[in-house]
Amino acid sequence: QVTLVESGGGLVQAGGSLRLSCAGSGRAFRNYAMGWFRQAPGKEREFVAAITWSGGGTEYADSVKGRFTISRDNAKKTVLLQMNSLKPEDTAVYSCAAGSLVAGTPSGYDYWGQGTQVTVSS
């Protein structure tokens, strides 16, 4: 069992940066691949980034490549999403998730946090 809590969201101007944090609990945290997803109003949840249990592999959505960086610290049971050069279209609720393998779809993850709002103004 893993519990996830996101933080770090907020309001930022276009071109700015935010760093989201996902704090996990449970002894099994280090065994899970972790992903970040986002959902804007009226849209489906979409994949943003994912990282393997060891941190040795990462994947990104094309829309965020070169701007976002995912990382993890298993000792602290934390996953970070550094977001730079933010655009208004990045506005969404961002959620972290834990699963057995890196996956690009929500169905690939077993545990979810409650989400944190990111708003990028133009």
Protein backbone atom coordinates (compact mmCIF):
# COMPACT_ATOMS: atom_id res chain seq x y z
CA GLN A 1 0.00 0.00 0.00
CA VAL A 2 1.30 3.44 -0.98
CA THR A 3 -0.13 6.84 -0.08
CA LEU A 4 0.82 9.82 -2.25
CA VAL A 5 0.50 13.53 -1.48
CA GLU A 6 1.36 16.23 -4.01
CA SER A 7 2.43 19.78 -3.27
CA GLY A 8 4.03 22.73 -5.00
CA GLY A 9 1.29 23.83 -7.32
CA GLY A 10 0.28 27.45 -7.73
CA LEU A 11 -0.11 30.40 -10.05
CA VAL A 12 2.81 31.41 -12.27
CA GLN A 13 3.28 33.61 -15.30
CA ALA A 14 4.10 32.14 -18.68
CA GLY A 15 7.80 31.44 -18.94
CA GLY A 16 8.11 30.82 -15.23
CA SER A 17 8.94 27.69 -13.27
CA LEU A 18 7.38 25.49 -10.61
CA ARG A 19 8.56 22.38 -8.85
CA LEU A 20 5.98 19.82 -7.85
CA SER A 21 6.67 17.30 -5.13
CA CYS A 22 5.03 13.95 -4.49
CA ALA A 23 5.58 12.55 -1.01
CA GLY A 24 5.04 8.84 -0.63
CA SER A 25 4.55 6.57 2.34
CA GLY A 26 4.89 2.84 2.76
CA ARG A 27 7.87 0.52 2.71
CA ALA A 28 7.16 -0.49 -0.88
CA PHE A 29 7.54 3.02 -2.31
CA ARG A 30 11.02 2.31 -3.68
CA ASN A 31 9.68 -0.66 -5.65
CA TYR A 32 7.23 1.37 -7.71
CA ALA A 33 7.61 3.23 -10.96
CA MET A 34 6.20 6.72 -10.60
CA GLY A 35 4.30 8.88 -13.03
CA TRP A 36 2.92 12.39 -13.30
CA PHE A 37 -0.35 13.03 -15.09
CA ARG A 38 -2.41 16.17 -15.60
CA GLN A 39 -6.02 16.94 -16.31
CA ALA A 40 -7.36 20.24 -17.57
CA PRO A 41 -11.06 21.18 -17.29
CA GLY A 42 -13.13 19.33 -19.87
CA LYS A 43 -10.21 17.20 -20.99
CA GLU A 44 -9.06 13.68 -20.32
CA ARG A 45 -6.21 12.91 -17.98
CA GLU A 46 -2.94 12.91 -19.92
CA PHE A 47 0.51 11.53 -19.32
CA VAL A 48 3.28 13.99 -18.45
CA ALA A 49 6.33 12.05 -17.27
CA ALA A 50 7.38 8.82 -15.59
CA ILE A 51 10.43 7.37 -13.88
CA THR A 52 11.51 3.82 -13.12
CA TRP A 53 11.80 2.50 -9.56
CA SER A 54 15.58 3.06 -9.60
CA GLY A 55 15.44 6.45 -11.27
CA GLY A 56 17.57 5.12 -14.10
CA GLY A 57 14.93 5.54 -16.79
CA THR A 58 12.54 8.34 -17.61
CA GLU A 59 9.85 9.06 -20.19
CA TYR A 60 8.18 12.30 -21.17
CA ALA A 61 5.22 13.43 -23.19
CA ASP A 62 6.30 15.23 -26.34
CA SER A 63 4.57 18.38 -25.14
CA VAL A 64 6.89 18.72 -22.12
CA LYS A 65 10.19 17.31 -23.39
CA GLY A 66 13.03 19.73 -22.80
CA ARG A 67 10.97 21.75 -20.31
CA PHE A 68 10.04 19.29 -17.54
CA THR A 69 12.32 16.99 -15.55
CA ILE A 70 11.21 14.13 -13.33
CA SER A 71 13.43 12.79 -10.55
CA ARG A 72 13.11 10.74 -7.39
CA ASP A 73 14.79 10.22 -4.04
CA ASN A 74 13.85 6.81 -2.66
CA ALA A 75 15.48 7.51 0.71
CA LYS A 76 13.12 10.47 1.14
CA LYS A 77 10.24 8.71 -0.64
CA THR A 78 9.82 11.72 -2.90
CA VAL A 79 9.28 12.29 -6.60
CA LEU A 80 9.83 15.73 -8.10
CA LEU A 81 8.63 17.33 -11.29
CA GLN A 82 10.64 20.41 -12.23
CA MET A 83 8.65 22.48 -14.71
CA ASN A 84 10.38 25.25 -16.63
CA SER A 85 9.28 27.55 -19.45
CA LEU A 86 5.68 27.06 -18.46
CA LYS A 87 2.93 27.81 -20.94
CA PRO A 88 -0.76 28.60 -20.43
CA GLU A 89 -1.59 25.22 -21.94
CA ASP A 90 0.23 23.57 -19.03
CA THR A 91 -2.60 24.70 -16.75
CA ALA A 92 -4.15 21.62 -15.13
CA VAL A 93 -4.45 19.56 -11.98
CA TYR A 94 -1.26 17.52 -11.70
CA SER A 95 -1.33 14.13 -9.99
CA CYS A 96 1.37 11.63 -9.20
CA ALA A 97 0.81 7.90 -9.40
CA ALA A 98 2.61 4.68 -8.49
CA GLY A 99 2.64 1.52 -10.56
CA SER A 100 4.58 -1.66 -11.26
CA LEU A 101 6.11 -0.39 -14.50
CA VAL A 102 6.56 2.89 -16.32
CA ALA A 103 3.39 3.44 -18.34
CA GLY A 104 1.94 6.20 -20.43
CA THR A 105 -1.68 5.56 -19.53
CA PRO A 106 -3.52 6.00 -16.23
CA SER A 107 -4.59 2.36 -16.23
CA GLY A 108 -0.97 1.37 -15.69
CA TYR A 109 -0.90 2.84 -12.18
CA ASP A 110 -2.34 1.48 -8.97
CA TYR A 111 -2.11 4.37 -6.50
CA TRP A 112 -2.89 8.07 -6.97
CA GLY A 113 -2.49 11.29 -5.08
CA GLN A 114 -5.22 13.90 -4.77
CA GLY A 115 -3.59 16.34 -7.19
CA THR A 116 -2.29 19.89 -7.07
CA GLN A 117 -3.46 22.80 -9.22
CA VAL A 118 -1.05 24.50 -11.61
CA THR A 119 -2.22 27.68 -13.30
CA VAL A 120 -0.10 29.47 -15.89
CA SER A 121 -1.20 32.97 -16.83
CA SER A 122 -0.40 34.56 -20.17
